[in-house]
Structures are given as structure tokens and as C-alpha cells.
C-alpha atoms as a PDB file:
ATOM      1  CA  MET A   1     138.218  90.956 107.469  1.00  0.00           C
ATOM      2  CA  LYS A   2     139.376  91.289 111.073  1.00  0.00           C
ATOM      3  CA  GLY A   3     138.777  88.834 113.884  1.00  0.00           C
ATOM      4  CA  GLY A   4     135.456  87.123 114.152  1.00  0.00           C
ATOM      5  CA  SER A   5     134.402  83.494 114.548  1.00  0.00           C
ATOM      6  CA  TRP A   6     135.262  80.780 112.067  1.00  0.00           C
ATOM      7  CA  PHE A   7     131.651  81.005 110.679  1.00  0.00           C
ATOM      8  CA  ALA A   8     131.938  84.720 110.245  1.00  0.00           C
ATOM      9  CA  LEU A   9     135.039  84.186 108.062  1.00  0.00           C
ATOM     10  CA  LEU A  10     133.338  81.230 106.450  1.00  0.00           C
ATOM     11  CA  LEU A  11     130.399  83.338 105.563  1.00  0.00           C
ATOM     12  CA  ALA A  12     132.483  86.312 104.260  1.00  0.00           C
ATOM     13  CA  SER A  13     134.710  84.190 102.086  1.00  0.00           C
ATOM     14  CA  THR A  14     131.838  82.178 100.559  1.00  0.00           C
ATOM     15  CA  ILE A  15     129.944  85.273  99.696  1.00  0.00           C
ATOM     16  CA  SER A  16     133.097  86.976  98.235  1.00  0.00           C
ATOM     17  CA  SER A  17     134.117  84.008  96.193  1.00  0.00           C
ATOM     18  CA  CYS A  18     130.769  83.062  94.804  1.00  0.00           C
ATOM     19  CA  GLY A  19     129.083  86.314  94.123  1.00  0.00           C
ATOM     20  CA  GLY A  20     128.099  88.421  97.117  1.00  0.00           C
ATOM     21  CA  VAL A  21     129.675  91.459  98.772  1.00  0.00           C
ATOM     22  CA  PRO A  22     129.888  91.036 102.561  1.00  0.00           C
ATOM     23  CA  HIS A  23     130.898  93.457 105.318  1.00  0.00           C
ATOM     24  CA  ASP A  24     134.678  93.608 106.157  1.00  0.00           C
ATOM     25  CA  LYS A  25     133.791  93.163 109.795  1.00  0.00           C
ATOM     26  CA  PRO A  26     131.797  90.181 111.273  1.00  0.00           C
ATOM     27  CA  PRO A  27     128.121  90.859 111.551  1.00  0.00           C
ATOM     28  CA  THR A  28     126.695  91.670 115.004  1.00  0.00           C
ATOM     29  CA  PRO A  29     123.887  89.743 116.537  1.00  0.00           C
ATOM     30  CA  LYS A  30     121.534  92.416 115.426  1.00  0.00           C
ATOM     31  CA  GLU A  31     122.833  92.253 111.873  1.00  0.00           C
ATOM     32  CA  THR A  32     122.464  88.457 111.780  1.00  0.00           C
ATOM     33  CA  GLY A  33     118.709  88.855 112.114  1.00  0.00           C
ATOM     34  CA  ALA A  34     118.139  87.712 115.741  1.00  0.00           C
ATOM     35  CA  VAL A  35     116.591  91.057 116.473  1.00  0.00           C
ATOM     36  CA  HIS A  36     116.330  92.559 113.057  1.00  0.00           C
ATOM     37  CA  ASP A  37     112.997  94.382 112.630  1.00  0.00           C
ATOM     38  CA  ARG A  38     110.796  92.607 110.004  1.00  0.00           C
ATOM     39  CA  ALA A  39     109.155  95.823 108.941  1.00  0.00           C
ATOM     40  CA  ALA A  40     112.575  97.347 108.166  1.00  0.00           C
ATOM     41  CA  ARG A  41     113.245  94.549 105.669  1.00  0.00           C
ATOM     42  CA  VAL A  42     110.382  95.622 103.528  1.00  0.00           C
ATOM     43  CA  ARG A  43     111.186  99.318 103.383  1.00  0.00           C
ATOM     44  CA  PHE A  44     111.993  98.913  99.696  1.00  0.00           C
ATOM     45  CA  GLY A  45     108.781  96.807  99.068  1.00  0.00           C
ATOM     46  CA  GLY A  46     108.145  93.149  98.766  1.00  0.00           C
ATOM     47  CA  THR A  47     106.419  90.772 101.178  1.00  0.00           C
ATOM     48  CA  PHE A  48     107.057  87.438 102.939  1.00  0.00           C
ATOM     49  CA  LEU A  49     105.794  83.976 102.112  1.00  0.00           C
ATOM     50  CA  ALA A  50     105.558  81.653 105.106  1.00  0.00           C
ATOM     51  CA  MET A  51     106.881  78.198 104.183  1.00  0.00           C
ATOM     52  CA  PRO A  52     105.521  75.015 105.832  1.00  0.00           C
ATOM     53  CA  ASP A  53     108.529  74.857 108.205  1.00  0.00           C
ATOM     54  CA  GLY A  54     107.980  78.352 109.447  1.00  0.00           C
ATOM     55  CA  VAL A  55     110.731  80.211 107.630  1.00  0.00           C
ATOM     56  CA  ALA A  56     109.631  83.444 105.948  1.00  0.00           C
ATOM     57  CA  VAL A  57     111.038  84.049 102.537  1.00  0.00           C
ATOM     58  CA  TRP A  58     111.078  87.542 101.057  1.00  0.00           C
ATOM     59  CA  TYR A  59     109.996  88.157  97.533  1.00  0.00           C
ATOM     60  CA  LYS A  60     108.908  91.150  95.326  1.00  0.00           C
ATOM     61  CA  VAL A  61     106.915  91.210  92.114  1.00  0.00           C
ATOM     62  CA  ALA A  62     107.198  93.963  89.488  1.00  0.00           C
ATOM     63  CA  GLY A  63     106.274  94.467  85.842  1.00  0.00           C
ATOM     64  CA  PRO A  64     103.324  93.732  83.559  1.00  0.00           C
ATOM     65  CA  GLU A  65     101.026  91.205  85.118  1.00  0.00           C
ATOM     66  CA  ARG A  66     100.483  89.279  81.829  1.00  0.00           C
ATOM     67  CA  ALA A  67     104.111  89.198  80.830  1.00  0.00           C
ATOM     68  CA  PRO A  68     106.262  86.120  81.174  1.00  0.00           C
ATOM     69  CA  THR A  69     107.388  85.551  84.729  1.00  0.00           C
ATOM     70  CA  VAL A  70     111.173  85.831  85.393  1.00  0.00           C
ATOM     71  CA  VAL A  71     112.641  84.752  88.821  1.00  0.00           C
ATOM     72  CA  PHE A  72     115.962  86.205  89.727  1.00  0.00           C
ATOM     73  CA  LEU A  73     118.220  84.008  91.930  1.00  0.00           C
ATOM     74  CA  HIS A  74     121.120  85.885  93.509  1.00  0.00           C
ATOM     75  CA  GLY A  75     124.624  84.481  94.302  1.00  0.00           C
ATOM     76  CA  GLY A  76     126.544  83.822  97.441  1.00  0.00           C
ATOM     77  CA  PRO A  77     125.363  81.644  98.973  1.00  0.00           C
ATOM     78  CA  GLY A  78     124.313  84.571 101.049  1.00  0.00           C
ATOM     79  CA  TYR A  79     123.892  87.716  98.976  1.00  0.00           C
ATOM     80  CA  ASN A  80     120.466  89.279  98.083  1.00  0.00           C
ATOM     81  CA  SER A  81     118.485  90.547  95.078  1.00  0.00           C
ATOM     82  CA  PHE A  82     118.751  94.287  95.798  1.00  0.00           C
ATOM     83  CA  ALA A  83     121.585  95.225  93.367  1.00  0.00           C
ATOM     84  CA  PHE A  84     119.975  93.293  90.534  1.00  0.00           C
ATOM     85  CA  GLU A  85     116.617  94.934  91.070  1.00  0.00           C
ATOM     86  CA  ARG A  86     118.152  98.315  91.119  1.00  0.00           C
ATOM     87  CA  SER A  87     120.172  97.738  87.951  1.00  0.00           C
ATOM     88  CA  ALA A  88     119.146  95.303  85.238  1.00  0.00           C
ATOM     89  CA  GLY A  89     115.905  94.324  86.970  1.00  0.00           C
ATOM     90  CA  LYS A  90     114.316  97.733  86.625  1.00  0.00           C
ATOM     91  CA  ASP A  91     114.929  97.665  82.917  1.00  0.00           C
ATOM     92  CA  LEU A  92     113.642  94.102  82.469  1.00  0.00           C
ATOM     93  CA  GLU A  93     110.392  95.168  84.281  1.00  0.00           C
ATOM     94  CA  SER A  94     109.307  96.907  81.080  1.00  0.00           C
ATOM     95  CA  ARG A  95     108.946  93.610  79.246  1.00  0.00           C
ATOM     96  CA  PHE A  96     108.726  90.925  81.903  1.00  0.00           C
ATOM     97  CA  ARG A  97     107.055  90.259  85.241  1.00  0.00           C
ATOM     98  CA  MET A  98     110.048  90.187  87.450  1.00  0.00           C
ATOM     99  CA  VAL A  99     110.082  88.296  90.684  1.00  0.00           C
ATOM    100  CA  TYR A 100     112.996  89.027  93.097  1.00  0.00           C
ATOM    101  CA  VAL A 101     113.786  86.454  95.846  1.00  0.00           C
ATOM    102  CA  ASP A 102     116.113  86.656  98.782  1.00  0.00           C
ATOM    103  CA  GLN A 103     116.724  83.002  99.344  1.00  0.00           C
ATOM    104  CA  ARG A 104     116.045  81.500 102.726  1.00  0.00           C
ATOM    105  CA  GLY A 105     118.424  82.730 105.397  1.00  0.00           C
ATOM    106  CA  CYS A 106     119.697  85.521 103.095  1.00  0.00           C
ATOM    107  CA  GLY A 107     119.117  89.289 103.021  1.00  0.00           C
ATOM    108  CA  ARG A 108     115.560  90.049 103.948  1.00  0.00           C
ATOM    109  CA  SER A 109     114.302  86.405 104.436  1.00  0.00           C
ATOM    110  CA  GLY A 110     113.998  84.764 107.809  1.00  0.00           C
ATOM    111  CA  PHE A 111     116.838  82.666 109.284  1.00  0.00           C
ATOM    112  CA  ASP A 112     115.698  81.264 112.536  1.00  0.00           C
ATOM    113  CA  GLY A 113     115.406  77.601 113.407  1.00  0.00           C
ATOM    114  CA  ALA A 114     117.347  74.353 113.020  1.00  0.00           C
ATOM    115  CA  ASN A 115     120.196  73.738 110.570  1.00  0.00           C
ATOM    116  CA  SER A 116     117.932  71.423 108.763  1.00  0.00           C
ATOM    117  CA  ASN A 117     115.834  74.389 107.579  1.00  0.00           C
ATOM    118  CA  TYR A 118     118.538  75.351 105.131  1.00  0.00           C
ATOM    119  CA  GLY A 119     120.233  74.073 102.028  1.00  0.00           C
ATOM    120  CA  MET A 120     119.422  73.329  98.379  1.00  0.00           C
ATOM    121  CA  GLN A 121     116.294  71.265  98.693  1.00  0.00           C
ATOM    122  CA  LYS A 122     114.587  73.659 100.854  1.00  0.00           C
ATOM    123  CA  THR A 123     115.595  76.641  98.656  1.00  0.00           C
ATOM    124  CA  VAL A 124     114.304  74.898  95.507  1.00  0.00           C
ATOM    125  CA  ASP A 125     111.032  74.112  97.353  1.00  0.00           C
ATOM    126  CA  ASP A 126     110.694  77.851  98.241  1.00  0.00           C
ATOM    127  CA  ILE A 127     111.107  78.942  94.608  1.00  0.00           C
ATOM    128  CA  ASP A 128     108.404  76.643  93.516  1.00  0.00           C
ATOM    129  CA  ARG A 129     106.110  77.798  96.324  1.00  0.00           C
ATOM    130  CA  ILE A 130     106.735  81.411  95.217  1.00  0.00           C
ATOM    131  CA  ARG A 131     105.953  80.442  91.564  1.00  0.00           C
ATOM    132  CA  GLU A 132     102.664  79.150  92.820  1.00  0.00           C
ATOM    133  CA  ALA A 133     101.978  82.121  94.953  1.00  0.00           C
ATOM    134  CA  VAL A 134     102.368  84.532  92.053  1.00  0.00           C
ATOM    135  CA  GLY A 135     100.154  82.446  89.812  1.00  0.00           C
ATOM    136  CA  ALA A 136     102.820  81.414  87.183  1.00  0.00           C
ATOM    137  CA  SER A 137     102.431  78.007  85.521  1.00  0.00           C
ATOM    138  CA  LYS A 138     105.929  78.372  84.235  1.00  0.00           C
ATOM    139  CA  ILE A 139     108.941  80.555  85.067  1.00  0.00           C
ATOM    140  CA  VAL A 140     112.174  81.811  83.577  1.00  0.00           C
ATOM    141  CA  LEU A 141     115.139  81.620  85.887  1.00  0.00           C
ATOM    142  CA  ILE A 142     118.073  84.045  85.916  1.00  0.00           C
ATOM    143  CA  GLY A 143     120.811  82.647  88.131  1.00  0.00           C
ATOM    144  CA  HIS A 144     123.815  84.687  88.959  1.00  0.00           C
ATOM    145  CA  SER A 145     126.971  82.976  90.266  1.00  0.00           C
ATOM    146  CA  PHE A 146     125.850  80.420  93.020  1.00  0.00           C
ATOM    147  CA  GLY A 147     122.319  81.264  92.025  1.00  0.00           C
ATOM    148  CA  GLY A 148     123.093  79.507  88.705  1.00  0.00           C
ATOM    149  CA  VAL A 149     123.597  76.297  90.654  1.00  0.00           C
ATOM    150  CA  VAL A 150     120.204  76.897  92.319  1.00  0.00           C
ATOM    151  CA  ALA A 151     118.624  77.619  88.965  1.00  0.00           C
ATOM    152  CA  ALA A 152     120.102  74.270  87.588  1.00  0.00           C
ATOM    153  CA  GLU A 153     118.761  72.281  90.444  1.00  0.00           C
ATOM    154  CA  TYR A 154     115.245  73.879  90.024  1.00  0.00           C
ATOM    155  CA  ALA A 155     115.282  73.166  86.269  1.00  0.00           C
ATOM    156  CA  HIS A 156     116.271  69.572  86.779  1.00  0.00           C
ATOM    157  CA  ARG A 157     113.583  68.990  89.369  1.00  0.00           C
ATOM    158  CA  PHE A 158     110.760  70.916  87.700  1.00  0.00           C
ATOM    159  CA  PRO A 159     111.436  70.847  83.963  1.00  0.00           C
ATOM    160  CA  ALA A 160     107.710  71.248  83.196  1.00  0.00           C
ATOM    161  CA  ARG A 161     107.543  74.470  85.165  1.00  0.00           C
ATOM    162  CA  THR A 162     110.715  76.021  83.604  1.00  0.00           C
ATOM    163  CA  SER A 163     110.427  77.999  80.435  1.00  0.00           C
ATOM    164  CA  ALA A 164     114.097  78.950  80.043  1.00  0.00           C
ATOM    165  CA  VAL A 165     117.303  79.527  82.034  1.00  0.00           C
ATOM    166  CA  VAL A 166     119.658  82.481  81.852  1.00  0.00           C
ATOM    167  CA  MET A 167     122.861  81.680  83.684  1.00  0.00           C
ATOM    168  CA  VAL A 168     125.178  84.625  84.586  1.00  0.00           C
ATOM    169  CA  ASP A 169     128.868  84.034  85.090  1.00  0.00           C
ATOM    170  CA  THR A 170     128.456  80.712  86.796  1.00  0.00           C
ATOM    171  CA  MET A 171     129.252  77.042  86.579  1.00  0.00           C
ATOM    172  CA  PRO A 172     127.961  73.943  88.276  1.00  0.00           C
ATOM    173  CA  ASP A 173     131.139  73.142  90.185  1.00  0.00           C
ATOM    174  CA  ILE A 174     131.813  75.926  92.683  1.00  0.00           C
ATOM    175  CA  GLY A 175     134.824  74.137  93.992  1.00  0.00           C
ATOM    176  CA  ALA A 176     136.415  74.431  90.503  1.00  0.00           C
ATOM    177  CA  ALA A 177     135.554  78.109  90.393  1.00  0.00           C
ATOM    178  CA  ILE A 178     137.264  78.709  93.724  1.00  0.00           C
ATOM    179  CA  ARG A 179     140.348  76.838  92.516  1.00  0.00           C
ATOM    180  CA  GLN A 180     140.337  79.172  89.510  1.00  0.00           C
ATOM    181  CA  GLN A 181     140.277  82.191  91.800  1.00  0.00           C
ATOM    182  CA  LEU A 182     143.159  80.699  93.750  1.00  0.00           C
ATOM    183  CA  ARG A 183     145.262  80.265  90.737  1.00  0.00           C
ATOM    184  CA  TYR A 184     144.538  83.808  89.612  1.00  0.00           C
ATOM    185  CA  ALA A 185     145.401  85.323  92.884  1.00  0.00           C
ATOM    186  CA  ASP A 186     148.667  83.349  92.907  1.00  0.00           C
ATOM    187  CA  SER A 187     149.480  84.612  89.370  1.00  0.00           C
ATOM    188  CA  ILE A 188     149.005  88.386  90.342  1.00  0.00           C
ATOM    189  CA  ALA A 189     150.335  88.308  93.898  1.00  0.00           C
ATOM    190  CA  ASP A 190     153.845  89.494  93.164  1.00  0.00           C
ATOM    191  CA  ALA A 191     152.690  92.470  91.023  1.00  0.00           C
ATOM    192  CA  GLU A 192     149.474  93.447  92.951  1.00  0.00           C
ATOM    193  CA  PHE A 193     150.105  92.437  96.521  1.00  0.00           C
ATOM    194  CA  PRO A 194     153.937  92.432  96.873  1.00  0.00           C
ATOM    195  CA  ASP A 195     153.931  92.896 100.698  1.00  0.00           C
ATOM    196  CA  ARG A 196     151.669  89.810 101.018  1.00  0.00           C
ATOM    197  CA  ALA A 197     152.817  87.765  98.009  1.00  0.00           C
ATOM    198  CA  LYS A 198     154.698  85.212 100.009  1.00  0.00           C
ATOM    199  CA  ALA A 199     151.676  84.613 102.233  1.00  0.00           C
ATOM    200  CA  VAL A 200     149.386  84.351  99.114  1.00  0.00           C
ATOM    201  CA  HIS A 201     151.622  81.701  97.481  1.00  0.00           C
ATOM    202  CA  GLY A 202     151.717  79.795 100.635  1.00  0.00           C
ATOM    203  CA  ILE A 203     147.932  79.704 101.052  1.00  0.00           C
ATOM    204  CA  VAL A 204     147.358  78.768  97.394  1.00  0.00           C
ATOM    205  CA  ARG A 205     149.859  76.004  97.306  1.00  0.00           C
ATOM    206  CA  SER A 206     148.969  74.418 100.728  1.00  0.00           C
ATOM    207  CA  GLU A 207     146.866  71.387 101.321  1.00  0.00           C
ATOM    208  CA  GLY A 208     143.206  71.738 102.149  1.00  0.00           C
ATOM    209  CA  GLU A 209     139.746  72.316 100.681  1.00  0.00           C
ATOM    210  CA  PRO A 210     139.323  75.201  98.136  1.00  0.00           C
ATOM    211  CA  PHE A 211     136.897  76.919 100.434  1.00  0.00           C
ATOM    212  CA  GLU A 212     139.273  76.949 103.298  1.00  0.00           C
ATOM    213  CA  LYS A 213     142.031  78.366 101.286  1.00  0.00           C
ATOM    214  CA  ILE A 214     139.989  81.137  99.675  1.00  0.00           C
ATOM    215  CA  ALA A 215     138.791  82.089 103.171  1.00  0.00           C
ATOM    216  CA  ASN A 216     142.396  82.521 104.264  1.00  0.00           C
ATOM    217  CA  LEU A 217     143.170  84.479 101.102  1.00  0.00           C
ATOM    218  CA  TYR A 218     140.399  86.956 101.832  1.00  0.00           C
ATOM    219  CA  ARG A 219     141.565  87.283 105.388  1.00  0.00           C
ATOM    220  CA  THR A 220     145.192  87.908 104.164  1.00  0.00           C
ATOM    221  CA  ILE A 221     144.514  90.348 101.301  1.00  0.00           C
ATOM    222  CA  GLY A 222     141.321  91.906 102.359  1.00  0.00           C
ATOM    223  CA  ARG A 223     137.883  91.897 100.577  1.00  0.00           C
ATOM    224  CA  VAL A 224     138.003  95.200  98.685  1.00  0.00           C
ATOM    225  CA  PRO A 225     141.416  94.913  97.132  1.00  0.00           C
ATOM    226  CA  LEU A 226     141.006  91.300  96.191  1.00  0.00           C
ATOM    227  CA  GLN A 227     137.513  91.837  94.757  1.00  0.00           C
ATOM    228  CA  ARG A 228     138.722  94.824  92.753  1.00  0.00           C
ATOM    229  CA  LYS A 229     141.153  92.486  90.871  1.00  0.00           C
ATOM    230  CA  MET A 230     138.863  89.418  90.741  1.00  0.00           C
ATOM    231  CA  HIS A 231     135.209  90.613  90.535  1.00  0.00           C
ATOM    232  CA  PHE A 232     135.256  93.976  88.718  1.00  0.00           C
ATOM    233  CA  ASN A 233     136.239  95.503  85.427  1.00  0.00           C
ATOM    234  CA  SER A 234     136.936  98.895  87.060  1.00  0.00           C
ATOM    235  CA  GLY A 235     137.324 100.634  90.351  1.00  0.00           C
ATOM    236  CA  GLU A 236     134.431 102.953  89.393  1.00  0.00           C
ATOM    237  CA  ALA A 237     132.035  99.919  89.030  1.00  0.00           C
ATOM    238  CA  GLN A 238     133.237  98.605  92.387  1.00  0.00           C
ATOM    239  CA  SER A 239     132.452 101.867  94.064  1.00  0.00           C
ATOM    240  CA  ARG A 240     128.966 102.101  92.586  1.00  0.00           C
ATOM    241  CA  MET A 241     128.285  98.577  93.755  1.00  0.00           C
ATOM    242  CA  GLU A 242     129.500  99.242  97.182  1.00  0.00           C
ATOM    243  CA  ALA A 243     127.215 102.332  97.394  1.00  0.00           C
ATOM    244  CA  ILE A 244     124.187 100.346  96.406  1.00  0.00           C
ATOM    245  CA  ASP A 245     124.882  97.578  98.854  1.00  0.00           C
ATOM    246  CA  GLU A 246     125.380 100.317 101.643  1.00  0.00           C
ATOM    247  CA  ARG A 247     122.029 101.709 100.794  1.00  0.00           C
ATOM    248  CA  SER A 248     120.375  98.288 101.021  1.00  0.00           C
ATOM    249  CA  GLN A 249     121.736  97.677 104.602  1.00  0.00           C
ATOM    250  CA  LEU A 250     121.339  93.933 103.827  1.00  0.00           C
ATOM    251  CA  LEU A 251     125.036  92.990 104.033  1.00  0.00           C
ATOM    252  CA  GLY A 252     125.886  90.637 106.748  1.00  0.00           C
ATOM    253  CA  LEU A 253     122.348  89.501 107.416  1.00  0.00           C
ATOM    254  CA  THR A 254     122.894  85.951 105.987  1.00  0.00           C
ATOM    255  CA  SER A 255     122.867  83.187 108.700  1.00  0.00           C
ATOM    256  CA  ALA A 256     126.065  81.070 108.969  1.00  0.00           C
ATOM    257  CA  LYS A 257     123.530  78.066 108.851  1.00  0.00           C
ATOM    258  CA  VAL A 258     122.975  78.813 105.231  1.00  0.00           C
ATOM    259  CA  VAL A 259     126.639  78.478 104.394  1.00  0.00           C
ATOM    260  CA  LYS A 260     127.204  75.390 106.484  1.00  0.00           C
ATOM    261  CA  ALA A 261     124.315  73.606 104.792  1.00  0.00           C
ATOM    262  CA  TYR A 262     125.792  74.105 101.390  1.00  0.00           C
ATOM    263  CA  VAL A 263     129.353  73.163 102.582  1.00  0.00           C
ATOM    264  CA  ASP A 264     128.063  69.989 104.310  1.00  0.00           C
ATOM    265  CA  THR A 265     126.177  68.933 101.180  1.00  0.00           C
ATOM    266  CA  GLY A 266     129.111  69.439  98.916  1.00  0.00           C
ATOM    267  CA  TYR A 267     127.860  72.561  96.927  1.00  0.00           C
ATOM    268  CA  VAL A 268     130.849  74.735  97.793  1.00  0.00           C
ATOM    269  CA  ASN A 269     133.909  72.501  97.506  1.00  0.00           C
ATOM    270  CA  GLY A 270     132.648  70.590  94.534  1.00  0.00           C
ATOM    271  CA  SER A 271     129.516  69.793  92.553  1.00  0.00           C
ATOM    272  CA  PRO A 272     127.008  67.178  93.678  1.00  0.00           C
ATOM    273  CA  ALA A 273     125.806  64.591  91.144  1.00  0.00           C
ATOM    274  CA  GLY A 274     123.336  65.876  88.568  1.00  0.00           C
ATOM    275  CA  VAL A 275     124.065  69.637  88.790  1.00  0.00           C
ATOM    276  CA  SER A 276     125.914  69.594  85.478  1.00  0.00           C
ATOM    277  CA  ASP A 277     123.371  67.503  83.644  1.00  0.00           C
ATOM    278  CA  PRO A 278     121.841  69.190  80.504  1.00  0.00           C
ATOM    279  CA  LEU A 279     119.130  71.699  81.549  1.00  0.00           C
ATOM    280  CA  GLY A 280     116.523  70.475  79.119  1.00  0.00           C
ATOM    281  CA  VAL A 281     115.028  73.954  78.360  1.00  0.00           C
ATOM    282  CA  PRO A 282     116.256  76.944  76.309  1.00  0.00           C
ATOM    283  CA  SER A 283     119.430  78.225  78.055  1.00  0.00           C
ATOM    284  CA  ILE A 284     122.031  80.824  77.757  1.00  0.00           C
ATOM    285  CA  LEU A 285     125.214  81.588  79.749  1.00  0.00           C
ATOM    286  CA  ILE A 286     126.204  85.317  79.871  1.00  0.00           C
ATOM    287  CA  ALA A 287     129.705  85.807  81.093  1.00  0.00           C
ATOM    288  CA  GLY A 288     131.997  88.692  81.862  1.00  0.00           C
ATOM    289  CA  ARG A 289     135.286  88.927  79.909  1.00  0.00           C
ATOM    290  CA  ALA A 290     136.988  90.702  82.747  1.00  0.00           C
ATOM    291  CA  SER A 291     135.655  88.271  85.477  1.00  0.00           C
ATOM    292  CA  HIS A 292     138.144  86.072  87.234  1.00  0.00           C
ATOM    293  CA  VAL A 293     135.645  84.429  89.406  1.00  0.00           C
ATOM    294  CA  ILE A 294     134.706  81.574  87.166  1.00  0.00           C
ATOM    295  CA  GLY A 295     137.314  81.528  84.349  1.00  0.00           C
ATOM    296  CA  GLU A 296     136.958  81.267  80.635  1.00  0.00           C
ATOM    297  CA  GLU A 297     137.652  77.461  80.467  1.00  0.00           C
ATOM    298  CA  ASN A 298     135.144  76.788  83.256  1.00  0.00           C
ATOM    299  CA  ILE A 299     132.552  78.890  81.524  1.00  0.00           C
ATOM    300  CA  ARG A 300     132.896  76.930  78.299  1.00  0.00           C
ATOM    301  CA  ASP A 301     132.867  73.654  80.132  1.00  0.00           C
ATOM    302  CA  ALA A 302     129.693  74.748  81.945  1.00  0.00           C
ATOM    303  CA  ALA A 303     127.910  75.771  78.667  1.00  0.00           C
ATOM    304  CA  ARG A 304     128.857  72.414  77.114  1.00  0.00           C
ATOM    305  CA  ALA A 305     127.528  70.548  80.204  1.00  0.00           C
ATOM    306  CA  TRP A 306     124.267  72.573  80.431  1.00  0.00           C
ATOM    307  CA  HIS A 307     123.763  72.703  76.591  1.00  0.00           C
ATOM    308  CA  ALA A 308     123.691  76.524  76.865  1.00  0.00           C
ATOM    309  CA  ASP A 309     124.813  79.107  74.353  1.00  0.00           C
ATOM    310  CA  VAL A 310     127.553  81.493  75.620  1.00  0.00           C
ATOM    311  CA  VAL A 311     127.529  85.260  75.251  1.00  0.00           C
ATOM    312  CA  TRP A 312     130.548  87.319  76.489  1.00  0.00           C
ATOM    313  CA  LEU A 313     130.047  90.877  77.583  1.00  0.00           C
ATOM    314  CA  ASP A 314     132.715  93.538  78.591  1.00  0.00           C
ATOM    315  CA  ALA A 315     132.147  93.290  82.320  1.00  0.00           C
ATOM    316  CA  GLY A 316     133.379  91.628  85.487  1.00  0.00           C
ATOM    317  CA  HIS A 317     131.508  89.050  87.571  1.00  0.00           C
ATOM    318  CA  PHE A 318     128.429  91.299  88.135  1.00  0.00           C
ATOM    319  CA  VAL A 319     127.692  91.346  84.448  1.00  0.00           C
ATOM    320  CA  TYR A 320     124.115  92.598  84.936  1.00  0.00           C
ATOM    321  CA  PHE A 321     125.587  95.649  86.866  1.00  0.00           C
ATOM    322  CA  GLU A 322     128.678  96.624  84.873  1.00  0.00           C
ATOM    323  CA  ALA A 323     127.138  95.912  81.447  1.00  0.00           C
ATOM    324  CA  GLN A 324     123.504  96.677  82.271  1.00  0.00           C
ATOM    325  CA  HIS A 325     122.292  97.799  78.837  1.00  0.00           C
ATOM    326  CA  ASP A 326     123.996  94.944  76.971  1.00  0.00           C
ATOM    327  CA  PHE A 327     122.883  92.412  79.514  1.00  0.00           C
ATOM    328  CA  VAL A 328     119.248  93.537  79.334  1.00  0.00           C
ATOM    329  CA  ASP A 329     119.385  93.524  75.570  1.00  0.00           C
ATOM    330  CA  THR A 330     120.879  89.974  75.506  1.00  0.00           C
ATOM    331  CA  VAL A 331     118.265  88.686  77.905  1.00  0.00           C
ATOM    332  CA  THR A 332     115.398  90.281  76.105  1.00  0.00           C
ATOM    333  CA  ARG A 333     116.384  89.055  72.646  1.00  0.00           C
ATOM    334  CA  PHE A 334     116.920  85.568  73.991  1.00  0.00           C
ATOM    335  CA  LEU A 335     113.534  85.352  75.773  1.00  0.00           C
ATOM    336  CA  ASP A 336     111.457  87.171  73.041  1.00  0.00           C
ATOM    337  CA  ASP A 337     112.074  84.320  70.658  1.00  0.00           C
ATOM    338  CA  ARG A 338     111.416  81.482  73.172  1.00  0.00           C
ATOM    339  CA  VAL A 339     109.036  82.495  75.932  1.00  0.00           C
ATOM    340  CA  ARG A 340     105.370  83.379  75.849  1.00  0.00           C
ATOM    341  CA  PRO A 341     103.248  84.661  78.825  1.00  0.00           C
END
């Protein structure tokens, strides 16, 4: 990433480290949504639900009307649901009523107003209002990366409205995940980034919050080369993902207010109290063997904390994309035995 404000860097590094794929350049005022045409945001379908505070949240429903309702929660904070919909989502639609949501301030959803309009409590409220809007008494949650934290918070707050939870390459403590990424980058710097290895070692071993250090790391190495080693199992998979994100034209639309709200409330550099409590509903954690975003030890710790079974697939961080068939098969078998319409 070149230049840009502190928040532009903040946004890019958070999305990169926790599940999204941002632009290499800071977003322009148009891209941040100040003058982004609302009609253009629904060119691939979906609609908006106006929340009580005036924020418009985008969602889309697809699949059999009488099937179990499954809500997908993207990572970031700050990514969107387009890539999931265009990969595993389209296969899951044959068996489930899929609901895709761009969380408030992200992707196609609105991001105007005060800082107080953003953060976990508001996002969880949105999910429940969308559940009500689509007429589902209970929902299954699929939470990828930071979306897993959102899913956990929803399940803890609304256990009677949650049928099951599918976590995807995630953990409750995002700060610990970022520390894992820093350690991994430090371990490969000499071999993979020899011209910048000294700078990488200095950043990783310096004082400071994990988030600040990973932001400096992305600025030093660059998004694409670092994500290739950390997020993806192959360069081919990364290229396909980049193409999908380019088609969506949604990258860079997230408001910096979204990121700031999660930083200020402890969701990025650590884990607020209660996030790691047992989920209390049937749960599974699907992880990528080639992912270095969360780490094997952190995945196992998360599964124990949430009382979730672990399934490992041959993929990177975007398990649903790189191992689409196996992911869909795993989710379908898990839900078929546990969830009814």
C-alpha cells in the first residue's frame, strides 16, 4: 500500500489480516461510499433493510424457501459476501435458503453517520433484524475469519434463534491470530523477502499492539506478496480470488469508522469477555491446512473453547473458495443431521 491516511492503512491491514482483500491504494472519496450510487450496489441482486438508526444494510436471499435458513457472515472487519456467494454459496443454495449479508459499513451496505453507528452490538442487531425480515424463527450461521467472532456474539446473545454455527478458519481472539501472522512472517522473511527481511524482523520484534505491527508489515511487504504466503494455498487460487473481487467492484468501500469501532472495543487486538464461551448449539470449525492466518494451535484452542468439532481441508484461509467442493460437502453433512426447516 502506498501513502494514504492512517485510517486507510488501518483499514487495509485489518482486512488483510483478518479475512478480506483490500485495494493496494487508499480508497477515494467516491469509493468510500460518500457518493457511491445505491443502485449500482444491487447490480448483482439483493436489497437493503433500513435499520432504526438509519443505516441501510444490504442482504440477499437465494435457495428453496422452505429449506433451513443459513446466514453467511464475511470476514474483515470490512470485506463483503460476494466471493462466498459466487463460490460455495451457489452450491449450498441447492439445499439451503442462503442469506448473504454485507455487514453495516461494509461492501454494499450504508456507512454514513456517527461513529456510534458501528461496532459489534449494532452488527448483531442487524443480523437479528434480517432474520426477522426473511421470516426465519431460527438461523444457521456461517462465520468466516472475523465473521466467526460476529457469529459467536450472535449465538451467545440469541441462543434460542440459532440452530447451528459453522466457523471457518477463525478464532475468538483476533489479537492472537495477528500475533501468529507476525511470527510466521518473521520465520519466512529471510527466504521469501530477503531484501526486506531486516525491516520485517524489526517490525515483528518491536513494541506495540499486534494490529499496528501487522499494518506496518503490509506496508513494508505489500498486500499481494504477503497474502500469497499467508492466505492462499496456491498462486492460482489467489489470482482467481483477485478476479472475483475485481468483478465485484466492492473493494475499498468499507468505512474507516467500522474498523475504528472494533479497535476501540477490543475486537482487533484481543478478545472481549465472553466471545470464547461455549456456543451452546451444534458447532463445527472448518480450517485450512495451508492457512497461516489463524494457526493450528489457535484453531484447536478455539474449537475447545467453543465446543466445536474441527475439520481440516486442503486449503488456505479462504477455505470455502479453495476447497469449494469439500467445504460444501462438509457443511451439508454437518447440517443435514442437525437442522430442520
